Amino acid sequence: MRRSDMGEFEEVVLLTVAVLTPQAYSVAIAEDLEQQTSRTITTGAVHAALQRLEDKGFVTSHMGEATKERGGRRKRLFRVTVAGSRMIHEVRAVRNRLWDRILPQSLPQINMA
């Protein structure tokens, strides 16, 4: 994994696409990320990240069907590609290896409740 391949925000957007497939579109992704991170996530930031991920070949998109609740507009739906899946697994492996190397006494104790 090269750091230039994917930034942290792109990583969480890519993971959220995987979670929400087959209904992964920018508004749903932003809402899910807000819920998971307790941070404000703009659809503009999600759109930009999705475009970068698509340019890198980590996601593909297609237009979904028009819906009444969207006034007849169609959603652009995203799906993780094989390259995106490979990247997710590589990032997870690196993070797991790092976590496995942390000695219990290396980090101050915190209350996660």
C-alpha atoms as a PDB file:
ATOM      1  CA  MET A   1       0.000   0.000   0.000  1.00  0.00           C
ATOM      2  CA  ARG A   2       1.262   3.422  -0.919  1.00  0.00           C
ATOM      3  CA  ARG A   3       0.002   6.345   1.148  1.00  0.00           C
ATOM      4  CA  SER A   4      -0.758   8.272  -2.045  1.00  0.00           C
ATOM      5  CA  ASP A   5      -3.242   5.585  -3.083  1.00  0.00           C
ATOM      6  CA  MET A   6      -5.921   6.588  -0.621  1.00  0.00           C
ATOM      7  CA  GLY A   7      -6.456   9.182   2.091  1.00  0.00           C
ATOM      8  CA  GLU A   8      -8.244   8.573   5.383  1.00  0.00           C
ATOM      9  CA  PHE A   9     -11.519  10.143   4.246  1.00  0.00           C
ATOM     10  CA  GLU A  10     -11.417   8.171   1.008  1.00  0.00           C
ATOM     11  CA  GLU A  11     -10.855   5.038   3.085  1.00  0.00           C
ATOM     12  CA  VAL A  12     -13.973   5.553   5.211  1.00  0.00           C
ATOM     13  CA  VAL A  13     -16.025   6.483   2.139  1.00  0.00           C
ATOM     14  CA  LEU A  14     -14.851   3.304   0.394  1.00  0.00           C
ATOM     15  CA  LEU A  15     -15.699   1.218   3.464  1.00  0.00           C
ATOM     16  CA  THR A  16     -19.135   2.854   3.629  1.00  0.00           C
ATOM     17  CA  VAL A  17     -19.751   2.063  -0.042  1.00  0.00           C
ATOM     18  CA  ALA A  18     -19.046  -1.585   0.813  1.00  0.00           C
ATOM     19  CA  VAL A  19     -21.439  -1.418   3.787  1.00  0.00           C
ATOM     20  CA  LEU A  20     -24.278   0.224   1.847  1.00  0.00           C
ATOM     21  CA  THR A  21     -24.057  -1.703  -1.434  1.00  0.00           C
ATOM     22  CA  PRO A  22     -26.334  -2.008  -3.389  1.00  0.00           C
ATOM     23  CA  GLN A  23     -27.808   1.313  -2.191  1.00  0.00           C
ATOM     24  CA  ALA A  24     -24.545   3.275  -1.869  1.00  0.00           C
ATOM     25  CA  TYR A  25     -25.113   6.824  -3.102  1.00  0.00           C
ATOM     26  CA  SER A  26     -23.657  10.105  -1.882  1.00  0.00           C
ATOM     27  CA  VAL A  27     -26.460  11.217   0.461  1.00  0.00           C
ATOM     28  CA  ALA A  28     -26.748   7.786   2.112  1.00  0.00           C
ATOM     29  CA  ILE A  29     -22.960   7.605   2.451  1.00  0.00           C
ATOM     30  CA  ALA A  30     -22.788  11.054   4.073  1.00  0.00           C
ATOM     31  CA  GLU A  31     -25.621  10.201   6.482  1.00  0.00           C
ATOM     32  CA  ASP A  32     -24.049   6.882   7.468  1.00  0.00           C
ATOM     33  CA  LEU A  33     -20.641   8.485   8.003  1.00  0.00           C
ATOM     34  CA  GLU A  34     -22.197  11.202  10.179  1.00  0.00           C
ATOM     35  CA  GLN A  35     -23.880   8.530  12.282  1.00  0.00           C
ATOM     36  CA  GLN A  36     -20.702   6.446  12.610  1.00  0.00           C
ATOM     37  CA  THR A  37     -18.266   9.310  13.254  1.00  0.00           C
ATOM     38  CA  SER A  38     -20.474  11.864  15.049  1.00  0.00           C
ATOM     39  CA  ARG A  39     -19.030  14.489  12.684  1.00  0.00           C
ATOM     40  CA  THR A  40     -20.659  16.689  10.076  1.00  0.00           C
ATOM     41  CA  ILE A  41     -20.077  15.186   6.631  1.00  0.00           C
ATOM     42  CA  THR A  42     -21.090  17.182   3.572  1.00  0.00           C
ATOM     43  CA  THR A  43     -22.371  15.526   0.439  1.00  0.00           C
ATOM     44  CA  GLY A  44     -19.898  17.709  -1.485  1.00  0.00           C
ATOM     45  CA  ALA A  45     -16.984  16.117   0.358  1.00  0.00           C
ATOM     46  CA  VAL A  46     -18.443  12.670  -0.311  1.00  0.00           C
ATOM     47  CA  HIS A  47     -18.948  13.499  -4.011  1.00  0.00           C
ATOM     48  CA  ALA A  48     -15.314  14.601  -4.312  1.00  0.00           C
ATOM     49  CA  ALA A  49     -14.030  11.479  -2.539  1.00  0.00           C
ATOM     50  CA  LEU A  50     -16.196   9.223  -4.697  1.00  0.00           C
ATOM     51  CA  GLN A  51     -14.860  10.908  -7.834  1.00  0.00           C
ATOM     52  CA  ARG A  52     -11.264  10.360  -6.680  1.00  0.00           C
ATOM     53  CA  LEU A  53     -12.039   6.732  -5.801  1.00  0.00           C
ATOM     54  CA  GLU A  54     -13.622   6.201  -9.204  1.00  0.00           C
ATOM     55  CA  ASP A  55     -10.632   7.840 -10.935  1.00  0.00           C
ATOM     56  CA  LYS A  56      -8.344   5.439  -9.049  1.00  0.00           C
ATOM     57  CA  GLY A  57     -10.468   2.457 -10.065  1.00  0.00           C
ATOM     58  CA  PHE A  58     -11.578   1.612  -6.514  1.00  0.00           C
ATOM     59  CA  VAL A  59     -15.299   2.110  -7.217  1.00  0.00           C
ATOM     60  CA  THR A  60     -17.586   2.080 -10.231  1.00  0.00           C
ATOM     61  CA  SER A  61     -20.903   3.825 -10.580  1.00  0.00           C
ATOM     62  CA  HIS A  62     -24.084   3.627 -12.559  1.00  0.00           C
ATOM     63  CA  MET A  63     -27.348   5.518 -12.607  1.00  0.00           C
ATOM     64  CA  GLY A  64     -30.183   3.908 -10.670  1.00  0.00           C
ATOM     65  CA  GLU A  65     -33.852   4.125 -11.506  1.00  0.00           C
ATOM     66  CA  ALA A  66     -35.828   7.335 -11.109  1.00  0.00           C
ATOM     67  CA  THR A  67     -37.852   7.464  -7.901  1.00  0.00           C
ATOM     68  CA  LYS A  68     -40.947   9.429  -6.878  1.00  0.00           C
ATOM     69  CA  GLU A  69     -39.399  10.516  -3.567  1.00  0.00           C
ATOM     70  CA  ARG A  70     -36.581  12.163  -5.545  1.00  0.00           C
ATOM     71  CA  GLY A  71     -38.962  13.948  -7.909  1.00  0.00           C
ATOM     72  CA  GLY A  72     -38.178  11.540 -10.728  1.00  0.00           C
ATOM     73  CA  ARG A  73     -34.427  12.045 -10.437  1.00  0.00           C
ATOM     74  CA  ARG A  74     -32.041   9.122 -10.554  1.00  0.00           C
ATOM     75  CA  LYS A  75     -29.336   8.274  -8.001  1.00  0.00           C
ATOM     76  CA  ARG A  76     -25.726   7.538  -8.933  1.00  0.00           C
ATOM     77  CA  LEU A  77     -25.030   4.228  -7.184  1.00  0.00           C
ATOM     78  CA  PHE A  78     -21.512   3.102  -6.317  1.00  0.00           C
ATOM     79  CA  ARG A  79     -19.948  -0.333  -5.933  1.00  0.00           C
ATOM     80  CA  VAL A  80     -16.475  -1.407  -4.787  1.00  0.00           C
ATOM     81  CA  THR A  81     -14.284  -2.856  -7.576  1.00  0.00           C
ATOM     82  CA  VAL A  82     -11.787  -5.696  -7.281  1.00  0.00           C
ATOM     83  CA  ALA A  83      -9.014  -3.081  -6.966  1.00  0.00           C
ATOM     84  CA  GLY A  84     -11.016  -1.334  -4.237  1.00  0.00           C
ATOM     85  CA  SER A  85     -11.531  -4.601  -2.396  1.00  0.00           C
ATOM     86  CA  ARG A  86      -7.810  -5.315  -2.629  1.00  0.00           C
ATOM     87  CA  MET A  87      -7.041  -1.857  -1.215  1.00  0.00           C
ATOM     88  CA  ILE A  88      -9.507  -2.294   1.677  1.00  0.00           C
ATOM     89  CA  HIS A  89      -7.895  -5.613   2.588  1.00  0.00           C
ATOM     90  CA  GLU A  90      -4.360  -4.186   2.323  1.00  0.00           C
ATOM     91  CA  VAL A  91      -5.226  -1.228   4.561  1.00  0.00           C
ATOM     92  CA  ARG A  92      -6.865  -3.535   7.094  1.00  0.00           C
ATOM     93  CA  ALA A  93      -3.832  -5.847   7.118  1.00  0.00           C
ATOM     94  CA  VAL A  94      -1.454  -2.939   7.755  1.00  0.00           C
ATOM     95  CA  ARG A  95      -3.625  -1.556  10.538  1.00  0.00           C
ATOM     96  CA  ASN A  96      -4.009  -5.006  12.144  1.00  0.00           C
ATOM     97  CA  ARG A  97      -0.253  -5.578  12.066  1.00  0.00           C
ATOM     98  CA  LEU A  98       0.327  -2.228  13.743  1.00  0.00           C
ATOM     99  CA  TRP A  99      -2.329  -2.862  16.402  1.00  0.00           C
ATOM    100  CA  ASP A 100      -0.833  -6.294  17.077  1.00  0.00           C
ATOM    101  CA  ARG A 101       2.551  -4.705  17.770  1.00  0.00           C
ATOM    102  CA  ILE A 102       1.295  -2.244  20.408  1.00  0.00           C
ATOM    103  CA  LEU A 103       2.201  -3.402  23.886  1.00  0.00           C
ATOM    104  CA  PRO A 104      -0.607  -3.030  26.456  1.00  0.00           C
ATOM    105  CA  GLN A 105       1.480  -0.667  28.587  1.00  0.00           C
ATOM    106  CA  SER A 106       2.301   1.545  25.573  1.00  0.00           C
ATOM    107  CA  LEU A 107      -1.032   3.377  25.591  1.00  0.00           C
ATOM    108  CA  PRO A 108      -2.646   5.229  28.481  1.00  0.00           C
ATOM    109  CA  GLN A 109      -5.836   3.582  29.722  1.00  0.00           C
ATOM    110  CA  ILE A 110      -9.084   5.212  28.592  1.00  0.00           C
ATOM    111  CA  ASN A 111     -12.715   4.622  29.453  1.00  0.00           C
ATOM    112  CA  MET A 112     -14.617   3.627  26.294  1.00  0.00           C
ATOM    113  CA  ALA A 113     -18.054   3.624  27.966  1.00  0.00           C
END
